[in-house]
Every structure is written in structure tokens, then in C-alpha cells.
Amino acid sequence: MLEHRMQAATERFVKEVKDTDIYKTYRYQLDKLKKNPELFEKVNEFRHHNYEIQNTTQVDELFDKMDAFEKEYERFRENPIVDDFLRAELAFCRMMQEINAEITERLDFE
């Protein structure tokens, strides 16, 4: 369990993240996508398939598998609701990765 002051700092941090335009856009696009449960399910299948390829494929095969994956889902990605959500999600993930990298670097964590 977090110390009280760390819990309070975490709550402030989460509030700051939620106040960013990147997070607000992500939530807006997610809410918009969820209004269509069938499309939301297909996006989740797309995300799961993408994750599986990136985390189970050997490095020497990754480019070819990702190329085939992108071609397979090219028409799916043309849907503006899908594309807008995936772009917003990617921006949010990148922001969180940058935050994590900054924290890790500043703590001299190796």
C-alpha cells in the first residue's frame, strides 16, 4: 500500500493526466466508439491481434507479419471512428510511455 503522501501525489498526478487534451481526446473517441458495440468488439479484436503479432513474432519475421496485418486491416482502418480512436489511443499511450521514461530516468532506475 502506498504511503499517504504518495497516494495523495498519485491522485494529483492522475488528475493532471485527465486534464490533458490527449487524455480528453482519447476518452471522447473511446466513448464515441463504444456507442457501436459491434465496432468496439472489432476494434478490440484488431488490438488483440496487433498485440499478439508484436509480442510473439520473432524479430526477423516481424516486418513481414506487420505488413500483412496492415494490409488485412487497411479497409477497416478507413472507418473514421476506428481511425480516430486508434490515433487517440496511440497518442495517449505515447504520452504515458514518455511519462514513465521520464520518471524512470529521474529515479536512476536501471
PDB file of N, CA and C in Angstrom:
ATOM      1  N   MET A   1       0.849  -1.191   0.000  1.00  0.00           N
ATOM      2  CA  MET A   1       0.000   0.000   0.000  1.00  0.00           C
ATOM      3  C   MET A   1       0.885   1.241   0.000  1.00  0.00           C
ATOM      4  N   LEU A   2       0.479   2.229  -0.750  1.00  0.00           N
ATOM      5  CA  LEU A   2       1.241   3.467  -0.840  1.00  0.00           C
ATOM      6  C   LEU A   2       1.180   4.256   0.461  1.00  0.00           C
ATOM      7  N   GLU A   3       2.286   4.916   0.764  1.00  0.00           N
ATOM      8  CA  GLU A   3       2.270   5.848   1.880  1.00  0.00           C
ATOM      9  C   GLU A   3       1.232   6.927   1.573  1.00  0.00           C
ATOM     10  N   HIS A   4       0.697   7.515   2.623  1.00  0.00           N
ATOM     11  CA  HIS A   4      -0.358   8.520   2.462  1.00  0.00           C
ATOM     12  C   HIS A   4       0.064   9.637   1.508  1.00  0.00           C
ATOM     13  N   ARG A   5       1.279  10.171   1.671  1.00  0.00           N
ATOM     14  CA  ARG A   5       1.692  11.289   0.821  1.00  0.00           C
ATOM     15  C   ARG A   5       1.880  10.852  -0.631  1.00  0.00           C
ATOM     16  N   MET A   6       2.294   9.599  -0.856  1.00  0.00           N
ATOM     17  CA  MET A   6       2.420   9.096  -2.217  1.00  0.00           C
ATOM     18  C   MET A   6       1.040   8.871  -2.833  1.00  0.00           C
ATOM     19  N   GLN A   7       0.101   8.419  -2.024  1.00  0.00           N
ATOM     20  CA  GLN A   7      -1.278   8.245  -2.512  1.00  0.00           C
ATOM     21  C   GLN A   7      -1.848   9.595  -2.945  1.00  0.00           C
ATOM     22  N   ALA A   8      -1.630  10.622  -2.136  1.00  0.00           N
ATOM     23  CA  ALA A   8      -2.116  11.963  -2.479  1.00  0.00           C
ATOM     24  C   ALA A   8      -1.432  12.483  -3.743  1.00  0.00           C
ATOM     25  N   ALA A   9      -0.136  12.248  -3.867  1.00  0.00           N
ATOM     26  CA  ALA A   9       0.590  12.688  -5.061  1.00  0.00           C
ATOM     27  C   ALA A   9       0.092  11.945  -6.296  1.00  0.00           C
ATOM     28  N   THR A  10      -0.199  10.666  -6.141  1.00  0.00           N
ATOM     29  CA  THR A  10      -0.717   9.869  -7.245  1.00  0.00           C
ATOM     30  C   THR A  10      -2.075  10.400  -7.693  1.00  0.00           C
ATOM     31  N   GLU A  11      -2.916  10.708  -6.742  1.00  0.00           N
ATOM     32  CA  GLU A  11      -4.237  11.255  -7.078  1.00  0.00           C
ATOM     33  C   GLU A  11      -4.107  12.581  -7.829  1.00  0.00           C
ATOM     34  N   ARG A  12      -3.169  13.430  -7.400  1.00  0.00           N
ATOM     35  CA  ARG A  12      -2.942  14.711  -8.095  1.00  0.00           C
ATOM     36  C   ARG A  12      -2.408  14.454  -9.506  1.00  0.00           C
ATOM     37  N   PHE A  13      -1.497  13.503  -9.618  1.00  0.00           N
ATOM     38  CA  PHE A  13      -0.932  13.160 -10.917  1.00  0.00           C
ATOM     39  C   PHE A  13      -2.016  12.668 -11.874  1.00  0.00           C
ATOM     40  N   VAL A  14      -2.860  11.768 -11.408  1.00  0.00           N
ATOM     41  CA  VAL A  14      -3.939  11.232 -12.246  1.00  0.00           C
ATOM     42  C   VAL A  14      -4.868  12.357 -12.690  1.00  0.00           C
ATOM     43  N   LYS A  15      -5.160  13.267 -11.794  1.00  0.00           N
ATOM     44  CA  LYS A  15      -5.997  14.416 -12.152  1.00  0.00           C
ATOM     45  C   LYS A  15      -5.332  15.234 -13.256  1.00  0.00           C
ATOM     46  N   GLU A  16      -4.034  15.440 -13.156  1.00  0.00           N
ATOM     47  CA  GLU A  16      -3.307  16.194 -14.180  1.00  0.00           C
ATOM     48  C   GLU A  16      -3.340  15.465 -15.525  1.00  0.00           C
ATOM     49  N   VAL A  17      -3.181  14.148 -15.500  1.00  0.00           N
ATOM     50  CA  VAL A  17      -3.254  13.369 -16.746  1.00  0.00           C
ATOM     51  C   VAL A  17      -4.639  13.523 -17.362  1.00  0.00           C
ATOM     52  N   LYS A  18      -5.672  13.400 -16.538  1.00  0.00           N
ATOM     53  CA  LYS A  18      -7.042  13.515 -17.033  1.00  0.00           C
ATOM     54  C   LYS A  18      -7.350  14.906 -17.576  1.00  0.00           C
ATOM     55  N   ASP A  19      -6.605  15.891 -17.150  1.00  0.00           N
ATOM     56  CA  ASP A  19      -6.810  17.260 -17.627  1.00  0.00           C
ATOM     57  C   ASP A  19      -6.095  17.562 -18.941  1.00  0.00           C
ATOM     58  N   THR A  20      -5.303  16.617 -19.457  1.00  0.00           N
ATOM     59  CA  THR A  20      -4.598  16.863 -20.712  1.00  0.00           C
ATOM     60  C   THR A  20      -5.554  16.719 -21.895  1.00  0.00           C
ATOM     61  N   ASP A  21      -5.258  17.453 -22.954  1.00  0.00           N
ATOM     62  CA  ASP A  21      -6.044  17.330 -24.181  1.00  0.00           C
ATOM     63  C   ASP A  21      -5.919  15.931 -24.764  1.00  0.00           C
ATOM     64  N   ILE A  22      -4.757  15.333 -24.624  1.00  0.00           N
ATOM     65  CA  ILE A  22      -4.534  13.979 -25.167  1.00  0.00           C
ATOM     66  C   ILE A  22      -5.471  12.980 -24.501  1.00  0.00           C
ATOM     67  N   TYR A  23      -5.568  13.026 -23.176  1.00  0.00           N
ATOM     68  CA  TYR A  23      -6.454  12.096 -22.469  1.00  0.00           C
ATOM     69  C   TYR A  23      -7.917  12.388 -22.793  1.00  0.00           C
ATOM     70  N   LYS A  24      -8.282  13.668 -22.823  1.00  0.00           N
ATOM     71  CA  LYS A  24      -9.666  14.037 -23.122  1.00  0.00           C
ATOM     72  C   LYS A  24     -10.069  13.557 -24.517  1.00  0.00           C
ATOM     73  N   THR A  25      -9.164  13.690 -25.474  1.00  0.00           N
ATOM     74  CA  THR A  25      -9.439  13.218 -26.830  1.00  0.00           C
ATOM     75  C   THR A  25      -9.593  11.703 -26.850  1.00  0.00           C
ATOM     76  N   TYR A  26      -8.699  11.013 -26.138  1.00  0.00           N
ATOM     77  CA  TYR A  26      -8.789   9.550 -26.053  1.00  0.00           C
ATOM     78  C   TYR A  26     -10.147   9.129 -25.484  1.00  0.00           C
ATOM     79  N   ARG A  27     -10.551   9.739 -24.376  1.00  0.00           N
ATOM     80  CA  ARG A  27     -11.830   9.366 -23.747  1.00  0.00           C
ATOM     81  C   ARG A  27     -13.012   9.679 -24.666  1.00  0.00           C
ATOM     82  N   TYR A  28     -12.949  10.829 -25.340  1.00  0.00           N
ATOM     83  CA  TYR A  28     -14.015  11.203 -26.273  1.00  0.00           C
ATOM     84  C   TYR A  28     -14.139  10.161 -27.380  1.00  0.00           C
ATOM     85  N   GLN A  29     -13.001   9.797 -27.973  1.00  0.00           N
ATOM     86  CA  GLN A  29     -13.018   8.827 -29.059  1.00  0.00           C
ATOM     87  C   GLN A  29     -13.446   7.445 -28.571  1.00  0.00           C
ATOM     88  N   LEU A  30     -13.026   7.064 -27.378  1.00  0.00           N
ATOM     89  CA  LEU A  30     -13.448   5.776 -26.805  1.00  0.00           C
ATOM     90  C   LEU A  30     -14.949   5.753 -26.576  1.00  0.00           C
ATOM     91  N   ASP A  31     -15.474   6.811 -25.996  1.00  0.00           N
ATOM     92  CA  ASP A  31     -16.925   6.882 -25.754  1.00  0.00           C
ATOM     93  C   ASP A  31     -17.700   6.831 -27.069  1.00  0.00           C
ATOM     94  N   LYS A  32     -17.195   7.522 -28.070  1.00  0.00           N
ATOM     95  CA  LYS A  32     -17.822   7.528 -29.398  1.00  0.00           C
ATOM     96  C   LYS A  32     -17.817   6.110 -29.985  1.00  0.00           C
ATOM     97  N   LEU A  33     -16.695   5.420 -29.869  1.00  0.00           N
ATOM     98  CA  LEU A  33     -16.578   4.060 -30.382  1.00  0.00           C
ATOM     99  C   LEU A  33     -17.512   3.103 -29.647  1.00  0.00           C
ATOM    100  N   LYS A  34     -17.611   3.237 -28.342  1.00  0.00           N
ATOM    101  CA  LYS A  34     -18.438   2.329 -27.539  1.00  0.00           C
ATOM    102  C   LYS A  34     -19.930   2.455 -27.836  1.00  0.00           C
ATOM    103  N   LYS A  35     -20.323   3.528 -28.506  1.00  0.00           N
ATOM    104  CA  LYS A  35     -21.734   3.673 -28.897  1.00  0.00           C
ATOM    105  C   LYS A  35     -22.115   2.654 -29.958  1.00  0.00           C
ATOM    106  N   ASN A  36     -21.121   2.039 -30.564  1.00  0.00           N
ATOM    107  CA  ASN A  36     -21.345   0.991 -31.553  1.00  0.00           C
ATOM    108  C   ASN A  36     -20.654  -0.277 -31.026  1.00  0.00           C
ATOM    109  N   PRO A  37     -21.361  -1.076 -30.223  1.00  0.00           N
ATOM    110  CA  PRO A  37     -20.736  -2.250 -29.586  1.00  0.00           C
ATOM    111  C   PRO A  37     -20.094  -3.223 -30.564  1.00  0.00           C
ATOM    112  N   GLU A  38     -20.691  -3.416 -31.732  1.00  0.00           N
ATOM    113  CA  GLU A  38     -20.112  -4.337 -32.714  1.00  0.00           C
ATOM    114  C   GLU A  38     -18.770  -3.811 -33.224  1.00  0.00           C
ATOM    115  N   LEU A  39     -18.714  -2.528 -33.512  1.00  0.00           N
ATOM    116  CA  LEU A  39     -17.469  -1.923 -33.974  1.00  0.00           C
ATOM    117  C   LEU A  39     -16.426  -1.935 -32.862  1.00  0.00           C
ATOM    118  N   PHE A  40     -16.856  -1.669 -31.639  1.00  0.00           N
ATOM    119  CA  PHE A  40     -15.961  -1.709 -30.482  1.00  0.00           C
ATOM    120  C   PHE A  40     -15.347  -3.102 -30.338  1.00  0.00           C
ATOM    121  N   GLU A  41     -16.154  -4.127 -30.531  1.00  0.00           N
ATOM    122  CA  GLU A  41     -15.653  -5.506 -30.454  1.00  0.00           C
ATOM    123  C   GLU A  41     -14.619  -5.769 -31.549  1.00  0.00           C
ATOM    124  N   LYS A  42     -14.881  -5.286 -32.752  1.00  0.00           N
ATOM    125  CA  LYS A  42     -13.937  -5.475 -33.859  1.00  0.00           C
ATOM    126  C   LYS A  42     -12.627  -4.728 -33.597  1.00  0.00           C
ATOM    127  N   VAL A  43     -12.716  -3.547 -33.017  1.00  0.00           N
ATOM    128  CA  VAL A  43     -11.503  -2.802 -32.675  1.00  0.00           C
ATOM    129  C   VAL A  43     -10.707  -3.571 -31.628  1.00  0.00           C
ATOM    130  N   ASN A  44     -11.378  -4.148 -30.659  1.00  0.00           N
ATOM    131  CA  ASN A  44     -10.677  -4.933 -29.644  1.00  0.00           C
ATOM    132  C   ASN A  44     -10.012  -6.163 -30.250  1.00  0.00           C
ATOM    133  N   GLU A  45     -10.656  -6.788 -31.227  1.00  0.00           N
ATOM    134  CA  GLU A  45     -10.042  -7.916 -31.929  1.00  0.00           C
ATOM    135  C   GLU A  45      -8.796  -7.445 -32.682  1.00  0.00           C
ATOM    136  N   PHE A  46      -8.903  -6.299 -33.352  1.00  0.00           N
ATOM    137  CA  PHE A  46      -7.770  -5.703 -34.059  1.00  0.00           C
ATOM    138  C   PHE A  46      -6.618  -5.446 -33.092  1.00  0.00           C
ATOM    139  N   ARG A  47      -6.913  -4.837 -31.955  1.00  0.00           N
ATOM    140  CA  ARG A  47      -5.888  -4.511 -30.969  1.00  0.00           C
ATOM    141  C   ARG A  47      -5.240  -5.785 -30.430  1.00  0.00           C
ATOM    142  N   HIS A  48      -6.060  -6.792 -30.146  1.00  0.00           N
ATOM    143  CA  HIS A  48      -5.534  -8.065 -29.625  1.00  0.00           C
ATOM    144  C   HIS A  48      -4.621  -8.724 -30.660  1.00  0.00           C
ATOM    145  N   HIS A  49      -5.059  -8.747 -31.903  1.00  0.00           N
ATOM    146  CA  HIS A  49      -4.258  -9.350 -32.976  1.00  0.00           C
ATOM    147  C   HIS A  49      -2.935  -8.597 -33.127  1.00  0.00           C
ATOM    148  N   ASN A  50      -2.982  -7.282 -33.104  1.00  0.00           N
ATOM    149  CA  ASN A  50      -1.784  -6.451 -33.200  1.00  0.00           C
ATOM    150  C   ASN A  50      -0.823  -6.759 -32.041  1.00  0.00           C
ATOM    151  N   TYR A  51      -1.360  -6.829 -30.845  1.00  0.00           N
ATOM    152  CA  TYR A  51      -0.553  -7.140 -29.661  1.00  0.00           C
ATOM    153  C   TYR A  51       0.111  -8.510 -29.806  1.00  0.00           C
ATOM    154  N   GLU A  52      -0.658  -9.487 -30.224  1.00  0.00           N
ATOM    155  CA  GLU A  52      -0.127 -10.843 -30.374  1.00  0.00           C
ATOM    156  C   GLU A  52       1.025 -10.877 -31.378  1.00  0.00           C
ATOM    157  N   ILE A  53       0.851 -10.220 -32.500  1.00  0.00           N
ATOM    158  CA  ILE A  53       1.916 -10.214 -33.511  1.00  0.00           C
ATOM    159  C   ILE A  53       3.174  -9.577 -32.939  1.00  0.00           C
ATOM    160  N   GLN A  54       3.013  -8.432 -32.298  1.00  0.00           N
ATOM    161  CA  GLN A  54       4.176  -7.703 -31.804  1.00  0.00           C
ATOM    162  C   GLN A  54       4.872  -8.399 -30.639  1.00  0.00           C
ATOM    163  N   ASN A  55       4.157  -9.248 -29.929  1.00  0.00           N
ATOM    164  CA  ASN A  55       4.749  -9.866 -28.742  1.00  0.00           C
ATOM    165  C   ASN A  55       5.068 -11.347 -28.883  1.00  0.00           C
ATOM    166  N   THR A  56       4.733 -11.932 -30.017  1.00  0.00           N
ATOM    167  CA  THR A  56       5.039 -13.359 -30.183  1.00  0.00           C
ATOM    168  C   THR A  56       5.841 -13.647 -31.441  1.00  0.00           C
ATOM    169  N   THR A  57       6.052 -12.652 -32.271  1.00  0.00           N
ATOM    170  CA  THR A  57       6.747 -12.853 -33.538  1.00  0.00           C
ATOM    171  C   THR A  57       8.243 -12.625 -33.365  1.00  0.00           C
ATOM    172  N   GLN A  58       9.025 -13.489 -33.998  1.00  0.00           N
ATOM    173  CA  GLN A  58      10.473 -13.316 -33.998  1.00  0.00           C
ATOM    174  C   GLN A  58      10.828 -12.031 -34.756  1.00  0.00           C
ATOM    175  N   VAL A  59      11.882 -11.379 -34.330  1.00  0.00           N
ATOM    176  CA  VAL A  59      12.290 -10.096 -34.908  1.00  0.00           C
ATOM    177  C   VAL A  59      12.442 -10.180 -36.422  1.00  0.00           C
ATOM    178  N   ASP A  60      13.046 -11.251 -36.914  1.00  0.00           N
ATOM    179  CA  ASP A  60      13.294 -11.367 -38.353  1.00  0.00           C
ATOM    180  C   ASP A  60      12.005 -11.549 -39.166  1.00  0.00           C
ATOM    181  N   GLU A  61      10.899 -11.904 -38.527  1.00  0.00           N
ATOM    182  CA  GLU A  61       9.621 -12.083 -39.208  1.00  0.00           C
ATOM    183  C   GLU A  61       8.658 -10.919 -38.972  1.00  0.00           C
ATOM    184  N   LEU A  62       8.999 -10.039 -38.046  1.00  0.00           N
ATOM    185  CA  LEU A  62       8.061  -9.012 -37.598  1.00  0.00           C
ATOM    186  C   LEU A  62       7.624  -8.079 -38.722  1.00  0.00           C
ATOM    187  N   PHE A  63       8.564  -7.604 -39.536  1.00  0.00           N
ATOM    188  CA  PHE A  63       8.220  -6.669 -40.599  1.00  0.00           C
ATOM    189  C   PHE A  63       7.190  -7.291 -41.546  1.00  0.00           C
ATOM    190  N   ASP A  64       7.433  -8.515 -41.980  1.00  0.00           N
ATOM    191  CA  ASP A  64       6.523  -9.175 -42.922  1.00  0.00           C
ATOM    192  C   ASP A  64       5.146  -9.407 -42.301  1.00  0.00           C
ATOM    193  N   LYS A  65       5.131  -9.834 -41.053  1.00  0.00           N
ATOM    194  CA  LYS A  65       3.839 -10.085 -40.387  1.00  0.00           C
ATOM    195  C   LYS A  65       3.066  -8.789 -40.168  1.00  0.00           C
ATOM    196  N   MET A  66       3.767  -7.729 -39.776  1.00  0.00           N
ATOM    197  CA  MET A  66       3.091  -6.443 -39.575  1.00  0.00           C
ATOM    198  C   MET A  66       2.602  -5.880 -40.907  1.00  0.00           C
ATOM    199  N   ASP A  67       3.364  -6.069 -41.957  1.00  0.00           N
ATOM    200  CA  ASP A  67       2.947  -5.609 -43.283  1.00  0.00           C
ATOM    201  C   ASP A  67       1.667  -6.329 -43.709  1.00  0.00           C
ATOM    202  N   ALA A  68       1.626  -7.634 -43.528  1.00  0.00           N
ATOM    203  CA  ALA A  68       0.436  -8.416 -43.874  1.00  0.00           C
ATOM    204  C   ALA A  68      -0.750  -8.006 -42.997  1.00  0.00           C
ATOM    205  N   PHE A  69      -0.500  -7.770 -41.723  1.00  0.00           N
ATOM    206  CA  PHE A  69      -1.541  -7.339 -40.788  1.00  0.00           C
ATOM    207  C   PHE A  69      -2.133  -6.005 -41.231  1.00  0.00           C
ATOM    208  N   GLU A  70      -1.269  -5.057 -41.566  1.00  0.00           N
ATOM    209  CA  GLU A  70      -1.739  -3.735 -42.003  1.00  0.00           C
ATOM    210  C   GLU A  70      -2.561  -3.834 -43.280  1.00  0.00           C
ATOM    211  N   LYS A  71      -2.159  -4.681 -44.209  1.00  0.00           N
ATOM    212  CA  LYS A  71      -2.919  -4.867 -45.443  1.00  0.00           C
ATOM    213  C   LYS A  71      -4.279  -5.501 -45.150  1.00  0.00           C
ATOM    214  N   GLU A  72      -4.284  -6.472 -44.237  1.00  0.00           N
ATOM    215  CA  GLU A  72      -5.529  -7.158 -43.879  1.00  0.00           C
ATOM    216  C   GLU A  72      -6.549  -6.185 -43.282  1.00  0.00           C
ATOM    217  N   TYR A  73      -6.079  -5.235 -42.501  1.00  0.00           N
ATOM    218  CA  TYR A  73      -6.973  -4.309 -41.807  1.00  0.00           C
ATOM    219  C   TYR A  73      -7.044  -2.924 -42.454  1.00  0.00           C
ATOM    220  N   GLU A  74      -6.494  -2.782 -43.649  1.00  0.00           N
ATOM    221  CA  GLU A  74      -6.455  -1.467 -44.296  1.00  0.00           C
ATOM    222  C   GLU A  74      -7.853  -0.868 -44.463  1.00  0.00           C
ATOM    223  N   ARG A  75      -8.773  -1.624 -44.977  1.00  0.00           N
ATOM    224  CA  ARG A  75     -10.147  -1.118 -45.172  1.00  0.00           C
ATOM    225  C   ARG A  75     -10.820  -0.831 -43.834  1.00  0.00           C
ATOM    226  N   PHE A  76     -10.566  -1.663 -42.857  1.00  0.00           N
ATOM    227  CA  PHE A  76     -11.131  -1.463 -41.519  1.00  0.00           C
ATOM    228  C   PHE A  76     -10.673  -0.123 -40.950  1.00  0.00           C
ATOM    229  N   ARG A  77      -9.406   0.195 -41.141  1.00  0.00           N
ATOM    230  CA  ARG A  77      -8.829   1.445 -40.625  1.00  0.00           C
ATOM    231  C   ARG A  77      -9.355   2.680 -41.350  1.00  0.00           C
ATOM    232  N   GLU A  78      -9.986   2.488 -42.508  1.00  0.00           N
ATOM    233  CA  GLU A  78     -10.554   3.613 -43.246  1.00  0.00           C
ATOM    234  C   GLU A  78     -11.797   4.178 -42.578  1.00  0.00           C
ATOM    235  N   ASN A  79     -12.391   3.413 -41.686  1.00  0.00           N
ATOM    236  CA  ASN A  79     -13.548   3.904 -40.942  1.00  0.00           C
ATOM    237  C   ASN A  79     -13.077   5.034 -40.025  1.00  0.00           C
ATOM    238  N   PRO A  80     -13.626   6.240 -40.172  1.00  0.00           N
ATOM    239  CA  PRO A  80     -13.141   7.373 -39.376  1.00  0.00           C
ATOM    240  C   PRO A  80     -13.271   7.169 -37.863  1.00  0.00           C
ATOM    241  N   ILE A  81     -14.287   6.461 -37.428  1.00  0.00           N
ATOM    242  CA  ILE A  81     -14.451   6.213 -35.991  1.00  0.00           C
ATOM    243  C   ILE A  81     -13.303   5.338 -35.491  1.00  0.00           C
ATOM    244  N   VAL A  82     -12.980   4.319 -36.253  1.00  0.00           N
ATOM    245  CA  VAL A  82     -11.882   3.410 -35.901  1.00  0.00           C
ATOM    246  C   VAL A  82     -10.556   4.162 -35.930  1.00  0.00           C
ATOM    247  N   ASP A  83     -10.304   4.844 -37.029  1.00  0.00           N
ATOM    248  CA  ASP A  83      -9.029   5.543 -37.188  1.00  0.00           C
ATOM    249  C   ASP A  83      -8.845   6.625 -36.124  1.00  0.00           C
ATOM    250  N   ASP A  84      -9.889   7.402 -35.870  1.00  0.00           N
ATOM    251  CA  ASP A  84      -9.793   8.460 -34.858  1.00  0.00           C
ATOM    252  C   ASP A  84      -9.502   7.881 -33.477  1.00  0.00           C
ATOM    253  N   PHE A  85     -10.175   6.757 -33.156  1.00  0.00           N
ATOM    254  CA  PHE A  85      -9.923   6.134 -31.861  1.00  0.00           C
ATOM    255  C   PHE A  85      -8.490   5.619 -31.770  1.00  0.00           C
ATOM    256  N   LEU A  86      -8.047   4.885 -32.789  1.00  0.00           N
ATOM    257  CA  LEU A  86      -6.703   4.299 -32.730  1.00  0.00           C
ATOM    258  C   LEU A  86      -5.620   5.377 -32.684  1.00  0.00           C
ATOM    259  N   ARG A  87      -5.831   6.474 -33.360  1.00  0.00           N
ATOM    260  CA  ARG A  87      -4.872   7.588 -33.293  1.00  0.00           C
ATOM    261  C   ARG A  87      -4.857   8.203 -31.887  1.00  0.00           C
ATOM    262  N   ALA A  88      -6.028   8.384 -31.312  1.00  0.00           N
ATOM    263  CA  ALA A  88      -6.118   8.955 -29.966  1.00  0.00           C
ATOM    264  C   ALA A  88      -5.502   8.013 -28.938  1.00  0.00           C
ATOM    265  N   GLU A  89      -5.761   6.727 -29.094  1.00  0.00           N
ATOM    266  CA  GLU A  89      -5.182   5.740 -28.182  1.00  0.00           C
ATOM    267  C   GLU A  89      -3.660   5.733 -28.285  1.00  0.00           C
ATOM    268  N   LEU A  90      -3.143   5.783 -29.497  1.00  0.00           N
ATOM    269  CA  LEU A  90      -1.701   5.797 -29.699  1.00  0.00           C
ATOM    270  C   LEU A  90      -1.073   7.045 -29.068  1.00  0.00           C
ATOM    271  N   ALA A  91      -1.702   8.188 -29.247  1.00  0.00           N
ATOM    272  CA  ALA A  91      -1.183   9.424 -28.650  1.00  0.00           C
ATOM    273  C   ALA A  91      -1.162   9.323 -27.125  1.00  0.00           C
ATOM    274  N   PHE A  92      -2.217   8.760 -26.551  1.00  0.00           N
ATOM    275  CA  PHE A  92      -2.269   8.598 -25.101  1.00  0.00           C
ATOM    276  C   PHE A  92      -1.199   7.616 -24.623  1.00  0.00           C
ATOM    277  N   CYS A  93      -1.043   6.504 -25.327  1.00  0.00           N
ATOM    278  CA  CYS A  93      -0.020   5.518 -24.949  1.00  0.00           C
ATOM    279  C   CYS A  93       1.375   6.124 -25.030  1.00  0.00           C
ATOM    280  N   ARG A  94       1.627   6.890 -26.075  1.00  0.00           N
ATOM    281  CA  ARG A  94       2.942   7.532 -26.201  1.00  0.00           C
ATOM    282  C   ARG A  94       3.180   8.516 -25.070  1.00  0.00           C
ATOM    283  N   MET A  95       2.155   9.277 -24.698  1.00  0.00           N
ATOM    284  CA  MET A  95       2.299  10.210 -23.582  1.00  0.00           C
ATOM    285  C   MET A  95       2.649   9.447 -22.299  1.00  0.00           C
ATOM    286  N   MET A  96       1.956   8.347 -22.045  1.00  0.00           N
ATOM    287  CA  MET A  96       2.212   7.570 -20.837  1.00  0.00           C
ATOM    288  C   MET A  96       3.608   6.949 -20.879  1.00  0.00           C
ATOM    289  N   GLN A  97       4.070   6.520 -22.052  1.00  0.00           N
ATOM    290  CA  GLN A  97       5.424   5.989 -22.184  1.00  0.00           C
ATOM    291  C   GLN A  97       6.464   7.061 -21.894  1.00  0.00           C
ATOM    292  N   GLU A  98       6.224   8.265 -22.389  1.00  0.00           N
ATOM    293  CA  GLU A  98       7.150   9.365 -22.121  1.00  0.00           C
ATOM    294  C   GLU A  98       7.197   9.699 -20.635  1.00  0.00           C
ATOM    295  N   ILE A  99       6.044   9.696 -19.995  1.00  0.00           N
ATOM    296  CA  ILE A  99       5.986   9.961 -18.554  1.00  0.00           C
ATOM    297  C   ILE A  99       6.755   8.884 -17.804  1.00  0.00           C
ATOM    298  N   ASN A 100       6.511   7.628 -18.154  1.00  0.00           N
ATOM    299  CA  ASN A 100       7.199   6.521 -17.491  1.00  0.00           C
ATOM    300  C   ASN A 100       8.709   6.613 -17.690  1.00  0.00           C
ATOM    301  N   ALA A 101       9.132   6.927 -18.906  1.00  0.00           N
ATOM    302  CA  ALA A 101      10.568   7.051 -19.184  1.00  0.00           C
ATOM    303  C   ALA A 101      11.178   8.189 -18.377  1.00  0.00           C
ATOM    304  N   GLU A 102      10.472   9.288 -18.274  1.00  0.00           N
ATOM    305  CA  GLU A 102      10.962  10.442 -17.514  1.00  0.00           C
ATOM    306  C   GLU A 102      11.094  10.101 -16.027  1.00  0.00           C
ATOM    307  N   ILE A 103      10.091   9.450 -15.479  1.00  0.00           N
ATOM    308  CA  ILE A 103      10.137   9.054 -14.064  1.00  0.00           C
ATOM    309  C   ILE A 103      11.295   8.085 -13.833  1.00  0.00           C
ATOM    310  N   THR A 104      11.407   7.081 -14.692  1.00  0.00           N
ATOM    311  CA  THR A 104      12.460   6.084 -14.558  1.00  0.00           C
ATOM    312  C   THR A 104      13.845   6.730 -14.637  1.00  0.00           C
ATOM    313  N   GLU A 105      14.016   7.638 -15.574  1.00  0.00           N
ATOM    314  CA  GLU A 105      15.299   8.317 -15.727  1.00  0.00           C
ATOM    315  C   GLU A 105      15.626   9.171 -14.496  1.00  0.00           C
ATOM    316  N   ARG A 106      14.661   9.895 -14.014  1.00  0.00           N
ATOM    317  CA  ARG A 106      14.901  10.798 -12.879  1.00  0.00           C
ATOM    318  C   ARG A 106      15.155  10.036 -11.577  1.00  0.00           C
ATOM    319  N   LEU A 107      14.675   8.803 -11.505  1.00  0.00           N
ATOM    320  CA  LEU A 107      14.903   7.985 -10.312  1.00  0.00           C
ATOM    321  C   LEU A 107      16.170   7.148 -10.423  1.00  0.00           C
ATOM    322  N   ASP A 108      16.890   7.278 -11.523  1.00  0.00           N
ATOM    323  CA  ASP A 108      18.078   6.462 -11.758  1.00  0.00           C
ATOM    324  C   ASP A 108      17.783   4.981 -11.606  1.00  0.00           C
ATOM    325  N   PHE A 109      16.636   4.573 -12.130  1.00  0.00           N
ATOM    326  CA  PHE A 109      16.213   3.176 -12.067  1.00  0.00           C
ATOM    327  C   PHE A 109      16.739   2.458 -13.296  1.00  0.00           C
ATOM    328  N   GLU A 110      17.478   1.394 -13.080  1.00  0.00           N
ATOM    329  CA  GLU A 110      18.074   0.651 -14.211  1.00  0.00           C
ATOM    330  C   GLU A 110      17.476  -0.711 -14.332  1.00  0.00           C
TER     331      GLU A 110
END
